[in-house]
Protein backbone atom coordinates (compact mmCIF):
# COMPACT_ATOMS: atom_id res chain seq x y z
CA MET A 1 -6.94 -187.11 129.21
CA LYS A 2 -10.28 -186.48 129.90
CA GLN A 3 -9.04 -183.17 131.52
CA GLY A 4 -11.89 -180.66 130.55
CA LYS A 5 -14.99 -182.51 131.82
CA SER A 6 -13.47 -183.94 135.17
CA THR A 7 -12.16 -180.40 136.14
CA TYR A 8 -15.06 -178.92 135.26
CA SER A 9 -17.14 -181.39 137.22
CA VAL A 10 -14.90 -181.26 140.20
CA ILE A 11 -15.09 -177.42 140.30
CA LEU A 12 -18.66 -177.38 139.53
CA ALA A 13 -19.64 -179.74 142.30
CA ALA A 14 -17.71 -177.36 144.70
CA LEU A 15 -19.60 -174.51 143.82
CA VAL A 16 -22.65 -176.19 144.18
CA LEU A 17 -21.71 -177.53 147.52
CA LEU A 18 -20.81 -173.96 148.72
CA SER A 19 -24.33 -172.53 147.41
CA SER A 20 -26.18 -175.03 149.69
CA MET A 21 -23.82 -174.56 152.50
CA LEU A 22 -24.33 -170.80 152.66
CA SER A 23 -28.34 -171.19 151.83
CA CYS A 24 -29.47 -174.12 153.77
CA TYR A 25 -29.98 -173.96 157.69
CA ILE A 26 -31.99 -176.01 160.16
CA ASP A 27 -34.69 -174.06 161.27
CA GLU A 28 -34.48 -171.21 158.30
CA LYS A 29 -34.37 -171.21 154.80
CA GLU A 30 -33.11 -168.78 152.44
CA ASP A 31 -35.06 -167.73 149.14
CA GLN A 32 -33.15 -167.60 146.27
CA ILE A 33 -33.66 -165.45 142.85
CA HIS A 34 -31.63 -165.76 139.80
CA LEU A 35 -30.80 -162.30 138.60
CA PHE A 36 -28.20 -162.93 135.53
CA ASP A 37 -26.80 -165.52 133.95
CA GLN A 38 -24.77 -164.69 130.69
CA TYR A 39 -22.01 -166.45 128.41
CA TYR A 40 -19.46 -164.65 126.44
CA THR A 41 -17.11 -166.37 123.95
CA ILE A 42 -13.60 -165.00 123.91
CA GLU A 43 -10.30 -165.47 121.83
CA PRO A 44 -7.69 -166.66 124.41
CA THR A 45 -4.98 -165.96 122.25
CA SER A 46 -5.64 -162.26 121.84
CA LEU A 47 -7.64 -161.38 124.88
CA MET A 48 -5.16 -159.95 127.13
CA GLU A 49 -3.85 -157.57 124.44
CA ALA A 50 -7.31 -156.57 123.44
CA LEU A 51 -8.32 -155.48 127.10
CA LYS A 52 -4.98 -153.34 127.38
CA HIS A 53 -6.23 -151.51 124.47
CA GLY A 54 -9.64 -150.88 125.45
CA GLU A 55 -11.52 -153.44 122.98
CA MET A 56 -14.74 -155.16 123.46
CA ALA A 57 -13.47 -158.71 123.53
CA PHE A 58 -16.66 -160.53 125.27
CA THR A 59 -19.21 -161.64 122.72
CA PRO A 60 -22.47 -162.60 124.26
CA VAL A 61 -24.14 -165.92 123.28
CA ASN A 62 -27.37 -167.47 124.45
CA GLN A 63 -25.80 -170.79 125.68
CA ARG A 64 -22.64 -172.08 127.07
CA PRO A 65 -20.34 -173.01 123.79
CA GLU A 66 -19.26 -176.52 123.19
CA LEU A 67 -16.49 -178.14 124.85
CA ILE A 68 -13.33 -178.42 122.85
CA PRO A 69 -10.79 -181.68 122.90
CA PHE A 70 -8.17 -181.51 124.90
CA ASP A 71 -5.71 -181.49 121.98
CA GLN A 72 -7.34 -178.81 119.93
CA GLN A 73 -7.38 -176.38 123.31
CA VAL A 74 -5.16 -173.40 123.41
CA THR A 75 -2.52 -173.42 126.13
CA VAL A 76 -2.75 -169.94 128.24
CA ASN A 77 0.19 -168.34 130.26
CA TRP A 78 -2.47 -166.29 132.63
CA SER A 79 -1.66 -165.71 136.21
CA GLN A 80 -3.84 -165.17 139.00
CA ALA A 81 -3.43 -161.38 138.49
CA ASP A 82 -4.43 -162.06 134.74
CA TYR A 83 -7.71 -163.84 135.82
CA PHE A 84 -8.41 -160.98 138.27
CA TYR A 85 -8.02 -158.30 135.52
CA ILE A 86 -10.22 -160.32 132.95
CA ALA A 87 -12.97 -160.55 135.50
CA ASN A 88 -13.00 -156.97 136.59
CA ALA A 89 -12.62 -156.20 132.71
CA LEU A 90 -16.03 -158.38 132.08
CA TYR A 91 -17.85 -156.85 134.52
CA GLU A 92 -16.94 -153.06 133.50
CA GLY A 93 -16.63 -153.37 129.87
CA ALA A 94 -19.69 -156.19 129.11
CA VAL A 95 -21.80 -156.69 131.93
CA GLY A 96 -21.65 -152.79 132.48
CA LYS A 97 -21.42 -153.13 136.27
CA THR A 98 -18.72 -153.44 138.65
CA LEU A 99 -16.83 -155.49 141.10
CA LEU A 100 -15.65 -152.61 143.27
CA GLY A 101 -16.88 -152.88 146.83
CA TRP A 102 -17.81 -156.29 146.57
CA GLN A 103 -15.98 -159.14 148.93
CA LEU A 104 -14.28 -162.19 147.43
CA GLY A 105 -15.68 -165.10 149.01
CA GLY A 106 -13.67 -167.61 146.87
CA ALA A 107 -11.25 -168.11 144.15
CA ASN A 108 -9.95 -171.25 142.55
CA PHE A 109 -7.54 -172.16 139.37
CA SER A 110 -6.90 -175.45 137.63
CA LEU A 111 -4.74 -177.05 134.88
CA THR A 112 -3.31 -180.31 133.63
CA CYS A 113 -0.13 -181.62 134.94
CA SER A 114 1.37 -181.37 131.58
CA GLN A 115 0.89 -177.70 131.84
CA ILE A 116 2.81 -177.25 135.15
CA GLN A 117 5.28 -174.91 133.28
CA ASN A 118 2.59 -172.88 131.93
CA GLY A 119 -0.15 -170.54 133.20
CA PHE A 120 -3.37 -171.61 134.85
CA GLN A 121 -5.98 -172.75 132.16
CA ASN A 122 -9.17 -172.02 134.31
CA GLY A 123 -10.03 -169.52 136.96
CA ARG A 124 -13.36 -169.09 138.91
CA PHE A 125 -14.46 -166.38 141.36
CA HIS A 126 -17.16 -166.15 143.93
CA PHE A 127 -18.04 -162.37 145.13
CA PHE A 128 -20.68 -161.31 147.33
CA SER A 129 -22.23 -158.38 148.70
CA VAL A 130 -24.85 -157.79 151.81
CA ILE A 131 -27.46 -155.38 151.42
CA LYS A 132 -30.52 -153.76 153.41
CA VAL A 133 -33.68 -154.36 151.87
CA GLY A 134 -36.15 -152.69 154.51
CA ASP A 135 -35.32 -154.24 157.71
CA GLU A 136 -33.96 -157.39 156.17
CA ASP A 137 -30.40 -157.96 155.22
CA SER A 138 -30.11 -159.67 151.48
CA ARG A 139 -27.00 -161.39 149.96
CA LEU A 140 -26.14 -160.73 146.24
CA GLU A 141 -23.81 -163.17 144.84
CA ARG A 142 -21.80 -163.27 141.72
CA PHE A 143 -19.73 -166.25 140.19
CA ILE A 144 -17.43 -165.61 137.40
CA ASP A 145 -15.95 -168.53 135.12
CA ILE A 146 -13.00 -167.61 132.80
CA ASP A 147 -12.38 -170.95 130.74
CA PRO A 148 -9.88 -170.03 128.04
CA ARG A 149 -9.82 -174.15 127.15
CA TYR A 150 -13.14 -173.58 125.74
CA ASN A 151 -13.01 -169.94 124.52
CA PHE A 152 -15.89 -168.71 126.89
CA VAL A 153 -16.49 -166.52 130.13
CA ASN A 154 -19.77 -166.94 132.28
CA ALA A 155 -21.08 -164.27 134.55
CA SER A 156 -24.31 -165.07 136.78
CA GLU A 157 -25.77 -163.43 139.81
CA SER A 158 -28.42 -164.43 142.60
CA LYS A 159 -29.95 -162.64 145.53
CA TYR A 160 -30.61 -164.77 148.74
CA PHE A 161 -32.89 -163.29 151.23
CA PRO A 162 -33.26 -163.33 154.21
CA ASN A 163 -29.40 -163.14 154.50
CA LEU A 164 -28.54 -166.42 156.79
CA ALA A 165 -24.98 -167.05 155.81
CA ASP A 166 -21.97 -165.80 158.17
CA SER A 167 -19.80 -165.63 154.79
CA LYS A 168 -16.25 -164.89 155.28
CA SER A 169 -14.33 -162.84 152.79
CA ILE A 170 -10.57 -162.99 151.61
CA ASP A 171 -8.63 -159.76 151.98
CA MET A 172 -6.54 -159.58 148.53
CA ALA A 173 -4.52 -156.97 150.12
CA GLU A 174 -3.25 -158.90 153.20
CA LEU A 175 -2.81 -162.21 151.17
CA LYS A 176 0.72 -162.96 150.81
CA ILE A 177 0.82 -166.47 148.91
CA SER A 178 -0.57 -166.17 145.39
CA ALA A 179 -1.84 -168.87 143.30
CA GLU A 180 1.26 -169.46 141.56
CA GLN A 181 3.38 -169.63 145.14
CA ALA A 182 0.94 -171.84 146.57
CA LEU A 183 1.50 -174.35 143.38
CA GLN A 184 4.98 -174.07 143.53
CA ILE A 185 4.97 -174.92 147.55
CA ALA A 186 2.92 -177.96 146.74
CA GLU A 187 5.57 -179.07 144.15
CA SER A 188 8.30 -178.90 146.29
CA ASN A 189 5.95 -180.89 149.21
CA GLY A 190 4.91 -183.86 147.36
CA GLY A 191 3.07 -182.69 144.27
CA GLN A 192 5.91 -183.20 141.83
CA ALA A 193 6.49 -186.66 142.57
CA ALA A 194 2.82 -187.43 142.65
CA ARG A 195 2.34 -186.11 139.23
CA GLN A 196 5.46 -187.79 137.80
CA SER A 197 4.13 -191.03 139.37
CA VAL A 198 1.61 -191.04 136.89
CA GLU A 199 3.67 -189.47 134.12
CA ASN A 200 1.48 -186.27 134.24
CA ASP A 201 -1.43 -187.87 133.67
CA CYS A 202 -3.64 -185.98 135.89
CA ASN A 203 -5.01 -182.66 136.72
CA ILE A 204 -4.47 -180.00 139.52
CA ALA A 205 -6.78 -177.58 141.23
CA LEU A 206 -6.32 -174.74 143.76
CA PHE A 207 -9.28 -173.79 146.06
CA LEU A 208 -9.05 -170.33 148.49
CA SER A 209 -12.30 -171.11 149.99
CA PRO A 210 -12.90 -170.05 153.41
CA ASN A 211 -16.48 -171.04 153.21
CA PHE A 212 -16.41 -174.31 151.55
CA MET A 213 -12.75 -175.42 152.61
CA LYS A 214 -13.28 -174.17 156.03
CA THR A 215 -9.80 -173.00 156.18
CA THR A 216 -8.25 -169.93 155.14
CA GLY A 217 -5.48 -171.08 153.26
CA TRP A 218 -4.82 -172.75 149.56
CA LYS A 219 -5.98 -176.35 149.09
CA VAL A 220 -3.88 -177.77 146.29
CA MET A 221 -5.33 -181.07 144.95
CA TYR A 222 -3.73 -183.16 142.45
CA TYR A 223 -6.28 -185.78 140.90
CA GLN A 224 -7.16 -188.22 138.26
CA THR A 225 -11.03 -188.91 137.78
CA GLY A 226 -12.10 -190.52 140.95
CA ASN A 227 -8.66 -190.41 142.49
CA THR A 228 -6.68 -188.06 144.68
CA LEU A 229 -3.59 -188.56 144.27
CA PHE A 230 -2.18 -185.97 146.53
CA ASP A 231 -3.73 -182.75 148.47
CA ILE A 232 -2.11 -180.09 150.49
CA GLN A 233 -2.91 -177.18 152.30
CA ILE A 234 -1.09 -173.64 152.55
CA ASP A 235 -1.33 -170.95 154.77
CA SER A 236 -2.19 -168.01 152.54
CA TYR A 237 -0.39 -165.59 154.62
CA THR A 238 2.97 -167.36 155.66
CA GLY A 239 3.07 -170.24 153.01
CA LYS A 240 3.76 -172.70 155.78
CA ILE A 241 1.81 -176.10 155.41
CA ILE A 242 -1.06 -176.39 157.43
CA LYS A 243 -1.45 -179.96 159.37
């Protein structure tokens, strides 16, 4: 199964579209400055334990590490909470900044259908902060890609000015349905049947992205390259299916 490249392409395309939606308008246009973009290698099997002991577990590298064939990848058992923990540890320990005070604009997680009993195998986050520069508002955006499949994490930051986007944020304190719960709801309402119909030769992606998806809930997609097998939207506060 060509899981790695297909999943990466789907999510990357979503992020590119999100960025375009936030920065392109009919009458006005935002300017963008890239402030930071750094890859770090990690050891997935020992990362969580190393972070809990306060060890430096992120090694900066000059370019994105090479992709690893699916049959050579390590399967992790990481939850939504684990990915958030890693994201915060990355910024505080390696980048030397903090995510405290930043607003969460989007999150997505992915795995293959054959890994349904394991944790998520990739997690990506979009954070933003609107700041005042003189008489003008600017928007700072941070993207974090945590990819244990390929032994790396990536952190990047850009500045957009003037801020023309009406960005919506996700209040994690009010969020009632986790990514794990959303996946189980999807499984019970058609997802399991969809993946079993192709003998688990598929991928699963979960999006929580009010700016890109135009919904406050989770969108769960089961797909093969170029073919959506099943998708569902779930209210992230009640767990009900959004029609």
